[in-house]
Protein backbone atom coordinates (compact mmCIF):
# COMPACT_ATOMS: atom_id res chain seq x y z
CA UNK A 1 -0.25 -0.11 -0.04
CA UNK A 2 1.25 3.40 -0.84
CA UNK A 3 1.48 6.21 1.88
CA UNK A 4 -1.36 8.17 1.71
CA UNK A 5 -1.88 11.40 3.89
CA UNK A 6 -4.98 9.82 5.38
CA UNK A 7 -6.05 6.06 5.92
CA UNK A 8 -9.46 5.48 6.67
CA UNK A 9 -10.57 2.25 8.11
CA UNK A 10 -14.50 1.16 7.18
CA UNK A 11 -15.89 -2.30 7.32
CA UNK A 12 -16.57 -2.43 3.79
CA UNK A 13 -15.73 -0.31 0.33
CA UNK A 14 -18.43 1.49 -1.62
CA UNK A 15 -18.57 4.06 -4.26
CA UNK A 16 -20.62 6.40 -1.85
CA UNK A 17 -18.09 6.39 0.77
CA UNK A 18 -15.22 6.92 -1.79
CA UNK A 19 -17.47 9.76 -3.11
CA UNK A 20 -17.48 11.71 0.30
CA UNK A 21 -13.79 11.09 1.10
CA UNK A 22 -12.76 12.12 -2.34
CA UNK A 23 -14.73 15.49 -1.97
CA UNK A 24 -13.73 16.16 1.65
CA UNK A 25 -10.13 14.99 1.73
CA UNK A 26 -8.85 14.99 -1.97
CA UNK A 27 -10.76 18.11 -3.19
CA UNK A 28 -11.29 20.20 0.01
CA UNK A 29 -7.98 19.25 1.99
CA UNK A 30 -5.74 18.66 -0.95
CA UNK A 31 -4.49 15.37 0.59
CA UNK A 32 -4.38 11.96 -0.61
CA UNK A 33 -6.37 9.37 0.75
CA UNK A 34 -6.97 5.63 0.95
CA UNK A 35 -9.32 3.03 2.48
CA UNK A 36 -8.90 -0.22 4.09
CA UNK A 37 -11.24 -2.87 5.30
CA UNK A 38 -8.57 -4.58 7.52
CA UNK A 39 -8.94 -3.41 11.07
CA UNK A 40 -5.50 -4.84 11.84
CA UNK A 41 -3.54 -2.79 9.20
CA UNK A 42 -5.53 0.27 10.19
CA UNK A 43 -4.55 -0.09 13.83
CA UNK A 44 -0.82 -0.58 13.19
CA UNK A 45 -0.90 2.35 10.70
CA UNK A 46 1.88 4.87 11.91
CA UNK A 47 0.48 7.80 10.03
CA UNK A 48 -2.62 9.81 10.15
CA UNK A 49 -5.86 7.77 10.09
CA UNK A 50 -9.51 7.69 11.27
CA UNK A 51 -12.04 4.73 11.55
CA UNK A 52 -15.58 4.73 10.28
CA UNK A 53 -17.24 1.92 12.01
CA UNK A 54 -20.34 0.72 14.36
CA UNK A 55 -17.85 -0.82 16.78
CA UNK A 56 -15.06 1.04 18.67
CA UNK A 57 -11.83 0.35 16.45
CA UNK A 58 -9.55 1.10 19.52
CA UNK A 59 -8.06 4.34 17.97
CA UNK A 60 -9.26 7.72 17.17
CA UNK A 61 -10.72 9.72 15.70
CA UNK A 62 -13.76 7.16 15.39
CA UNK A 63 -16.59 8.46 13.33
CA UNK A 64 -19.72 6.15 14.58
CA UNK A 65 -21.66 4.40 11.71
CA UNK A 66 -25.27 4.93 12.00
CA UNK A 67 -26.82 2.52 9.26
CA UNK A 68 -25.79 1.31 5.92
CA UNK A 69 -26.31 4.45 4.12
CA UNK A 70 -22.85 4.59 2.55
CA UNK A 71 -22.72 0.98 1.80
CA UNK A 72 -25.82 0.83 -0.77
CA UNK A 73 -28.53 1.02 1.61
CA UNK A 74 -31.61 2.62 0.03
CA UNK A 75 -34.11 2.26 2.68
CA UNK A 76 -32.90 5.07 4.81
CA UNK A 77 -35.73 7.35 6.12
CA UNK A 78 -35.35 11.03 6.86
CA UNK A 79 -32.86 11.36 9.59
CA UNK A 80 -33.61 13.07 12.63
CA UNK A 81 -32.06 16.46 13.39
CA UNK A 82 -30.10 17.05 16.65
CA UNK A 83 -28.62 20.37 17.79
CA UNK A 84 -25.83 20.05 20.43
CA UNK A 85 -23.93 23.21 21.35
CA UNK A 86 -25.08 25.25 18.40
CA UNK A 87 -24.34 22.65 15.93
CA UNK A 88 -26.81 20.88 13.79
CA UNK A 89 -26.45 17.08 13.45
CA UNK A 90 -28.05 14.23 11.17
CA UNK A 91 -27.90 10.44 11.92
CA UNK A 92 -27.24 10.85 15.69
CA UNK A 93 -24.99 7.97 16.88
CA UNK A 94 -25.50 6.49 20.76
CA UNK A 95 -21.65 5.45 20.88
CA UNK A 96 -20.54 7.40 24.06
CA UNK A 97 -16.86 7.02 23.25
CA UNK A 98 -17.06 8.02 19.62
CA UNK A 99 -15.25 11.23 18.65
CA UNK A 100 -18.52 12.64 17.09
CA UNK A 101 -22.19 12.53 18.27
CA UNK A 102 -23.37 11.67 14.75
CA UNK A 103 -22.53 9.84 11.61
CA UNK A 104 -20.75 12.66 9.98
CA UNK A 105 -19.86 11.05 6.72
CA UNK A 106 -23.47 9.65 6.15
CA UNK A 107 -24.85 13.33 6.81
CA UNK A 108 -22.53 14.81 4.30
CA UNK A 109 -23.42 12.17 1.73
CA UNK A 110 -27.27 12.62 2.21
CA UNK A 111 -26.83 16.43 1.83
CA UNK A 112 -24.62 16.24 -1.03
CA UNK A 113 -26.52 13.68 -2.99
CA UNK A 114 -29.83 15.51 -2.25
CA UNK A 115 -31.19 12.31 -0.98
CA UNK A 116 -34.41 13.98 0.02
CA UNK A 117 -35.25 15.17 -3.55
CA UNK A 118 -35.46 11.28 -4.63
CA UNK A 119 -38.64 10.65 -2.59
CA UNK A 120 -42.22 11.80 -2.81
CA UNK A 121 -42.77 15.58 -2.14
CA UNK A 122 -45.59 18.06 -3.24
CA UNK A 123 -43.95 20.24 -6.03
CA UNK A 124 -44.51 23.95 -6.16
CA UNK A 125 -46.49 25.75 -8.81
CA UNK A 126 -43.51 25.17 -11.47
CA UNK A 127 -42.86 21.42 -10.58
CA UNK A 128 -39.77 22.14 -8.53
CA UNK A 129 -38.63 20.74 -5.27
CA UNK A 130 -39.54 23.60 -2.80
CA UNK A 131 -36.95 25.22 -0.18
CA UNK A 132 -39.92 24.91 2.40
CA UNK A 133 -39.95 21.20 1.92
CA UNK A 134 -36.35 20.69 2.76
CA UNK A 135 -35.02 19.22 6.00
CA UNK A 136 -32.64 22.53 6.17
CA UNK A 137 -35.88 24.87 6.15
CA UNK A 138 -38.08 22.75 8.42
CA UNK A 139 -35.29 22.39 11.13
CA UNK A 140 -33.84 25.86 10.77
CA UNK A 141 -30.33 25.10 9.37
CA UNK A 142 -30.80 25.86 5.67
CA UNK A 143 -28.70 29.14 6.58
CA UNK A 144 -25.87 27.06 7.64
CA UNK A 145 -23.34 25.35 5.30
CA UNK A 146 -23.67 22.45 7.81
CA UNK A 147 -21.41 20.01 5.39
CA UNK A 148 -18.73 22.57 5.46
CA UNK A 149 -19.03 22.78 9.30
CA UNK A 150 -18.93 19.27 9.84
CA UNK A 151 -15.88 18.81 7.28
CA UNK A 152 -14.08 21.42 9.33
CA UNK A 153 -14.89 19.67 12.48
CA UNK A 154 -13.45 16.67 11.39
CA UNK A 155 -10.42 18.34 10.20
CA UNK A 156 -9.76 19.70 13.75
CA UNK A 157 -9.96 16.38 15.23
CA UNK A 158 -7.66 14.90 12.73
CA UNK A 159 -5.28 17.79 13.59
CA UNK A 160 -5.70 17.26 17.41
CA UNK A 161 -4.64 13.64 17.00
CA UNK A 162 -2.31 13.84 14.45
CA UNK A 163 -0.51 17.44 14.77
CA UNK A 164 1.40 16.96 11.52
CA UNK A 165 -1.95 16.64 9.68
CA UNK A 166 -2.44 20.43 8.88
CA UNK A 167 -5.36 21.14 6.87
CA UNK A 168 -4.89 24.47 4.50
CA UNK A 169 -7.17 27.07 5.51
CA UNK A 170 -10.11 27.34 3.48
CA UNK A 171 -10.41 30.21 1.03
CA UNK A 172 -13.32 32.47 0.23
CA UNK A 173 -14.35 33.53 -3.03
CA UNK A 174 -17.48 35.76 -4.49
CA UNK A 175 -18.91 34.86 -7.99
CA UNK A 176 -21.68 36.98 -9.45
CA UNK A 177 -24.00 35.24 -11.91
CA UNK A 178 -26.71 36.63 -13.99
CA UNK A 179 -29.55 34.91 -16.07
CA UNK A 180 -29.96 36.69 -19.20
CA UNK A 181 -33.92 36.02 -19.52
CA UNK A 182 -34.07 39.65 -21.27
CA UNK A 183 -31.00 40.95 -23.09
CA UNK A 184 -32.72 44.35 -23.49
CA UNK A 185 -35.99 45.86 -22.30
CA UNK A 186 -36.67 47.76 -25.45
CA UNK A 187 -34.21 47.07 -28.14
CA UNK A 188 -34.17 44.48 -30.98
CA UNK A 189 -37.77 43.17 -30.54
CA UNK A 190 -40.53 43.29 -33.30
CA UNK A 191 -42.26 46.60 -33.07
CA UNK A 192 -45.50 44.99 -31.79
CA UNK A 193 -43.74 44.01 -28.48
CA UNK A 194 -41.78 47.28 -28.29
CA UNK A 195 -45.33 49.02 -28.42
CA UNK A 196 -46.58 46.73 -25.90
CA UNK A 197 -43.69 47.04 -23.31
CA UNK A 198 -44.12 50.91 -23.71
CA UNK A 199 -47.92 50.66 -23.02
CA UNK A 200 -47.33 48.43 -20.13
CA UNK A 201 -44.49 50.86 -18.61
CA UNK A 202 -46.93 53.97 -19.16
CA UNK A 203 -49.88 51.81 -17.35
CA UNK A 204 -47.83 50.23 -14.53
CA UNK A 205 -44.61 52.24 -14.24
CA UNK A 206 -45.33 55.95 -15.04
CA UNK A 207 -44.64 58.57 -17.20
CA UNK A 208 -40.64 58.52 -16.24
CA UNK A 209 -40.38 54.90 -17.24
CA UNK A 210 -42.14 55.46 -20.33
CA UNK A 211 -40.27 58.51 -21.47
CA UNK A 212 -36.88 56.60 -20.87
CA UNK A 213 -38.25 53.55 -23.00
CA UNK A 214 -39.29 55.88 -25.87
CA UNK A 215 -35.94 57.60 -25.67
CA UNK A 216 -34.28 54.43 -26.02
CA UNK A 217 -35.99 53.53 -29.21
CA UNK A 218 -35.98 57.06 -30.77
CA UNK A 219 -32.70 58.92 -29.54
CA UNK A 220 -30.14 56.03 -29.12
CA UNK A 221 -30.51 56.04 -25.17
CA UNK A 222 -28.74 53.02 -23.71
CA UNK A 223 -31.22 50.27 -22.96
CA UNK A 224 -31.69 49.85 -19.21
CA UNK A 225 -30.87 46.24 -19.40
CA UNK A 226 -27.56 46.48 -21.14
CA UNK A 227 -25.16 45.85 -18.44
CA UNK A 228 -22.85 43.89 -20.62
CA UNK A 229 -19.69 46.08 -20.37
CA UNK A 230 -19.97 45.98 -16.77
CA UNK A 231 -20.69 42.26 -16.52
CA UNK A 232 -17.35 41.68 -18.74
CA UNK A 233 -15.40 43.93 -16.65
CA UNK A 234 -16.43 42.22 -13.35
CA UNK A 235 -15.87 38.63 -14.75
CA UNK A 236 -19.57 37.71 -14.02
CA UNK A 237 -20.97 34.30 -15.18
CA UNK A 238 -23.59 34.77 -17.63
CA UNK A 239 -26.36 32.17 -18.85
CA UNK A 240 -28.10 32.94 -22.18
CA UNK A 241 -31.29 31.40 -23.41
CA UNK A 242 -31.64 30.16 -26.82
CA UNK A 243 -35.10 28.40 -26.32
CA UNK A 244 -38.12 29.06 -28.61
CA UNK A 245 -40.81 31.63 -27.31
CA UNK A 246 -43.15 30.10 -24.97
CA UNK A 247 -45.43 31.44 -22.31
CA UNK A 248 -42.40 31.14 -19.77
CA UNK A 249 -39.84 31.62 -22.24
CA UNK A 250 -39.83 35.22 -23.47
CA UNK A 251 -36.30 35.92 -24.31
CA UNK A 252 -35.08 37.59 -27.58
CA UNK A 253 -34.98 35.34 -30.68
CA UNK A 254 -31.68 33.11 -30.90
CA UNK A 255 -31.76 34.00 -34.47
CA UNK A 256 -31.59 37.71 -34.20
CA UNK A 257 -28.35 39.04 -35.26
CA UNK A 258 -27.77 41.57 -32.44
CA UNK A 259 -28.57 38.79 -29.93
CA UNK A 260 -26.13 36.33 -31.46
CA UNK A 261 -23.33 39.06 -31.44
CA UNK A 262 -23.77 39.99 -27.93
CA UNK A 263 -23.45 36.18 -27.01
CA UNK A 264 -20.30 35.98 -28.96
CA UNK A 265 -18.81 39.01 -27.39
CA UNK A 266 -19.63 37.91 -23.82
CA UNK A 267 -18.22 34.44 -24.70
CA UNK A 268 -14.77 36.00 -25.65
CA UNK A 269 -14.45 38.15 -22.60
CA UNK A 270 -16.15 36.10 -19.80
CA UNK A 271 -17.50 32.90 -18.86
CA UNK A 272 -20.98 32.09 -20.15
CA UNK A 273 -23.34 29.05 -20.26
CA UNK A 274 -26.81 27.87 -21.73
CA UNK A 275 -30.03 28.90 -19.95
CA UNK A 276 -32.21 26.01 -21.04
CA UNK A 277 -35.78 26.60 -21.73
CA UNK A 278 -38.61 26.32 -19.25
CA UNK A 279 -39.24 22.52 -20.40
CA UNK A 280 -35.80 21.62 -21.24
CA UNK A 281 -35.16 19.70 -18.38
CA UNK A 282 -37.55 17.04 -19.14
CA UNK A 283 -37.45 17.07 -22.89
CA UNK A 284 -34.04 15.64 -24.30
CA UNK A 285 -34.86 16.65 -27.83
CA UNK A 286 -35.54 20.32 -26.85
CA UNK A 287 -32.27 20.34 -24.58
CA UNK A 288 -30.19 18.79 -27.67
CA UNK A 289 -31.68 21.32 -30.05
CA UNK A 290 -30.89 24.56 -27.89
CA UNK A 291 -27.28 23.12 -27.11
CA UNK A 292 -26.90 22.88 -31.11
CA UNK A 293 -28.09 26.36 -31.38
CA UNK A 294 -25.62 27.88 -28.64
CA UNK A 295 -22.91 25.91 -30.33
CA UNK A 296 -24.04 27.51 -33.87
CA UNK A 297 -23.57 30.84 -32.09
CA UNK A 298 -20.70 30.69 -30.38
CA UNK A 299 -18.70 28.03 -32.15
CA UNK A 300 -18.44 25.90 -29.03
CA UNK A 301 -20.85 23.51 -27.24
CA UNK A 302 -21.97 24.89 -23.92
CA UNK A 303 -19.72 23.69 -20.89
CA UNK A 304 -22.01 25.08 -18.37
CA UNK A 305 -25.83 25.47 -17.68
CA UNK A 306 -28.36 27.06 -15.22
CA UNK A 307 -32.10 25.86 -15.86
CA UNK A 308 -34.63 28.37 -16.48
CA UNK A 309 -36.79 29.04 -13.54
CA UNK A 310 -34.35 26.75 -11.84
CA UNK A 311 -36.67 23.64 -12.81
CA UNK A 312 -34.75 20.36 -12.73
CA UNK A 313 -35.60 16.97 -11.20
CA UNK A 314 -33.23 14.40 -10.04
CA UNK A 315 -32.00 12.25 -11.63
CA UNK A 316 -33.46 12.94 -15.14
CA UNK A 317 -32.49 16.43 -15.75
CA UNK A 318 -28.77 15.97 -14.83
CA UNK A 319 -28.44 12.97 -16.78
CA UNK A 320 -29.82 14.84 -19.96
CA UNK A 321 -27.05 17.48 -19.24
CA UNK A 322 -24.36 15.03 -19.14
CA UNK A 323 -25.66 13.41 -22.43
CA UNK A 324 -25.49 16.85 -24.21
CA UNK A 325 -21.95 17.46 -22.83
CA UNK A 326 -22.62 19.77 -20.19
CA UNK A 327 -19.73 19.88 -17.88
CA UNK A 328 -21.15 22.36 -14.86
CA UNK A 329 -24.40 23.05 -13.72
CA UNK A 330 -25.22 26.04 -11.53
CA UNK A 331 -29.01 25.56 -10.72
CA UNK A 332 -28.43 24.32 -7.26
CA UNK A 333 -30.64 26.67 -5.01
CA UNK A 334 -34.11 27.34 -4.13
CA UNK A 335 -36.43 29.62 -5.68
CA UNK A 336 -38.18 30.38 -2.74
CA UNK A 337 -35.45 30.44 0.08
CA UNK A 338 -31.87 31.66 0.12
CA UNK A 339 -29.56 29.41 2.01
CA UNK A 340 -27.49 26.16 1.22
CA UNK A 341 -29.51 23.58 -0.94
CA UNK A 342 -26.69 20.82 -0.66
CA UNK A 343 -25.38 22.21 2.73
CA UNK A 344 -22.15 23.49 1.32
CA UNK A 345 -20.82 26.64 -0.53
CA UNK A 346 -18.24 24.39 -2.56
CA UNK A 347 -18.81 22.76 -5.65
CA UNK A 348 -18.82 19.09 -5.99
CA UNK A 349 -19.36 16.34 -8.81
CA UNK A 350 -22.87 15.25 -8.88
CA UNK A 351 -23.48 11.57 -7.53
CA UNK A 352 -26.21 9.63 -9.37
CA UNK A 353 -28.08 7.96 -6.60
CA UNK A 354 -29.75 5.39 -8.45
CA UNK A 355 -26.87 4.22 -10.33
CA UNK A 356 -24.42 4.69 -7.52
CA UNK A 357 -21.81 6.58 -9.55
CA UNK A 358 -19.86 9.64 -9.31
CA UNK A 359 -20.56 11.42 -12.45
CA UNK A 360 -18.44 14.09 -14.65
CA UNK A 361 -20.90 16.64 -13.84
CA UNK A 362 -19.80 19.41 -11.26
CA UNK A 363 -22.35 21.26 -9.37
CA UNK A 364 -21.97 24.71 -8.37
CA UNK A 365 -24.38 25.97 -5.66
CA UNK A 366 -25.72 29.30 -5.30
CA UNK A 367 -27.03 30.61 -1.81
CA UNK A 368 -29.24 33.70 -2.91
CA UNK A 369 -31.45 35.01 -5.79
CA UNK A 370 -33.04 38.54 -6.29
CA UNK A 371 -36.70 37.27 -7.11
CA UNK A 372 -36.39 35.06 -3.98
CA UNK A 373 -35.80 38.16 -1.64
CA UNK A 374 -38.08 40.66 -3.47
CA UNK A 375 -40.64 38.20 -4.99
CA UNK A 376 -40.95 35.39 -2.52
CA UNK A 377 -39.89 36.94 0.82
CA UNK A 378 -40.76 40.85 0.08
CA UNK A 379 -37.67 42.16 1.61
CA UNK A 380 -36.58 45.86 1.26
CA UNK A 381 -33.24 46.32 -0.49
CA UNK A 382 -31.50 46.97 3.01
CA UNK A 383 -32.84 43.76 4.50
CA UNK A 384 -31.51 42.01 1.41
CA UNK A 385 -28.00 43.50 1.81
CA UNK A 386 -27.97 42.48 5.17
CA UNK A 387 -29.07 38.75 4.48
CA UNK A 388 -26.23 38.72 1.93
CA UNK A 389 -23.59 39.91 4.12
CA UNK A 390 -24.71 37.45 6.62
CA UNK A 391 -24.19 34.55 3.87
CA UNK A 392 -20.70 36.15 3.39
CA UNK A 393 -19.69 36.14 6.86
CA UNK A 394 -20.91 32.48 7.33
CA UNK A 395 -18.86 31.20 4.16
CA UNK A 396 -15.69 33.17 4.91
CA UNK A 397 -15.80 31.38 8.40
CA UNK A 398 -15.46 27.83 6.48
CA UNK A 399 -14.36 28.76 3.28
CA UNK A 400 -16.28 28.17 -0.12
CA UNK A 401 -17.90 30.62 -2.83
CA UNK A 402 -20.66 33.03 -2.20
CA UNK A 403 -22.51 32.69 -5.53
CA UNK A 404 -25.32 35.14 -6.14
CA UNK A 405 -27.94 34.91 -8.97
CA UNK A 406 -29.61 38.06 -10.24
CA UNK A 407 -31.39 39.39 -13.36
CA UNK A 408 -31.26 42.77 -15.41
CA UNK A 409 -34.60 43.94 -13.98
CA UNK A 410 -33.26 44.09 -10.58
CA UNK A 411 -30.10 45.87 -11.57
CA UNK A 412 -31.99 48.42 -13.67
CA UNK A 413 -34.41 49.05 -10.72
CA UNK A 414 -36.82 50.83 -13.01
CA UNK A 415 -39.83 49.21 -12.13
CA UNK A 416 -41.68 50.32 -9.01
CA UNK A 417 -41.13 46.75 -7.24
CA UNK A 418 -37.15 47.02 -7.76
CA UNK A 419 -36.83 50.50 -6.61
CA UNK A 420 -33.49 50.87 -4.54
CA UNK A 421 -32.06 47.55 -5.58
CA UNK A 422 -29.47 48.68 -8.10
CA UNK A 423 -26.56 47.83 -5.96
CA UNK A 424 -27.83 44.87 -3.80
CA UNK A 425 -26.52 42.07 -6.31
CA UNK A 426 -23.84 44.29 -8.35
CA UNK A 427 -21.52 46.54 -6.63
CA UNK A 428 -17.55 46.68 -7.10
CA UNK A 429 -17.28 47.39 -3.72
CA UNK A 430 -19.12 44.40 -1.95
């Protein structure tokens, strides 16, 4: 056996256990890890090690095993949630001599695999898994990156027992992402739609907004949704729709030369991805066609995606993305609630629970979206800024990426419901 940085003893080997260890140790801690099912080998191992077992292995740290979740058992019910000394734990274990009060590895897998989304649930109006249905929301830990907290707790234990096992400090990043549902508010639309937009502005928003739109169309004033130069400068991640028009897909025509040009320009200067249409996540032909359109415009097949309306179902949608060559998905967040849908602020490879394999699709979770705060929670801008600040402080404490999702209408803030939101999701100083 080679000399890994960390040796783990477990009574059996399984892809689920390997998935958790690879993500936590190899990716997160940048250390090599190996697994042994031979208890004597583990006991005699001179270097850093830990045990994952139901029985006391006679060395520490020892993570108590609660059930067979990480060895292929699919009968696991929803775990109890226990709060001990301001820490949330899933899969509590009763072994008094264990190093932790719960099965940390099973809890990480349960959250990262999105186990709860494979069961029966009542979908929302857009057939999505709602945040309010999640264990995190119901037990008040959705705003906590519990998987990252558990990972840090385990790193501390290992460092305590093996002082030479030093985990590098986790870094903090911030990524601003934007869904380009409407590339422009007024420009490059059919005349009938331009007139309809102006009429709606006059009725709902007032003369000032109407005048701005009229000047945009007649005097060359910049369209209020045109933030493309700023997005390029800030290295934002942009998701462009190329779907056909429908009730929920109201983007510019993918064939319009101006729209194609702005997609190509952004592709040259920043990261972009495809924003698959409302129904694409369950219709393979539609998703494949939209990917072909994207490739026709940019010269490259799309490598990243975020689903329109955040509509996706596991495992179907993610399998379709993989079949279309998508390498990254950025849809992992709730529409109705901010927080940590998968319990982490770090990206991870999607684990196909039904096939028991780690897939090549990397999931980039986001924590907060503009329409969540304004539309679902009816927050004022200052309260929204405070919540984003809270998320940032939380992520900084354990490392990871604060990923925000916004749209041009909140940045433009010309609609009455978005008044004051100009810098909530787009500010250099934040």
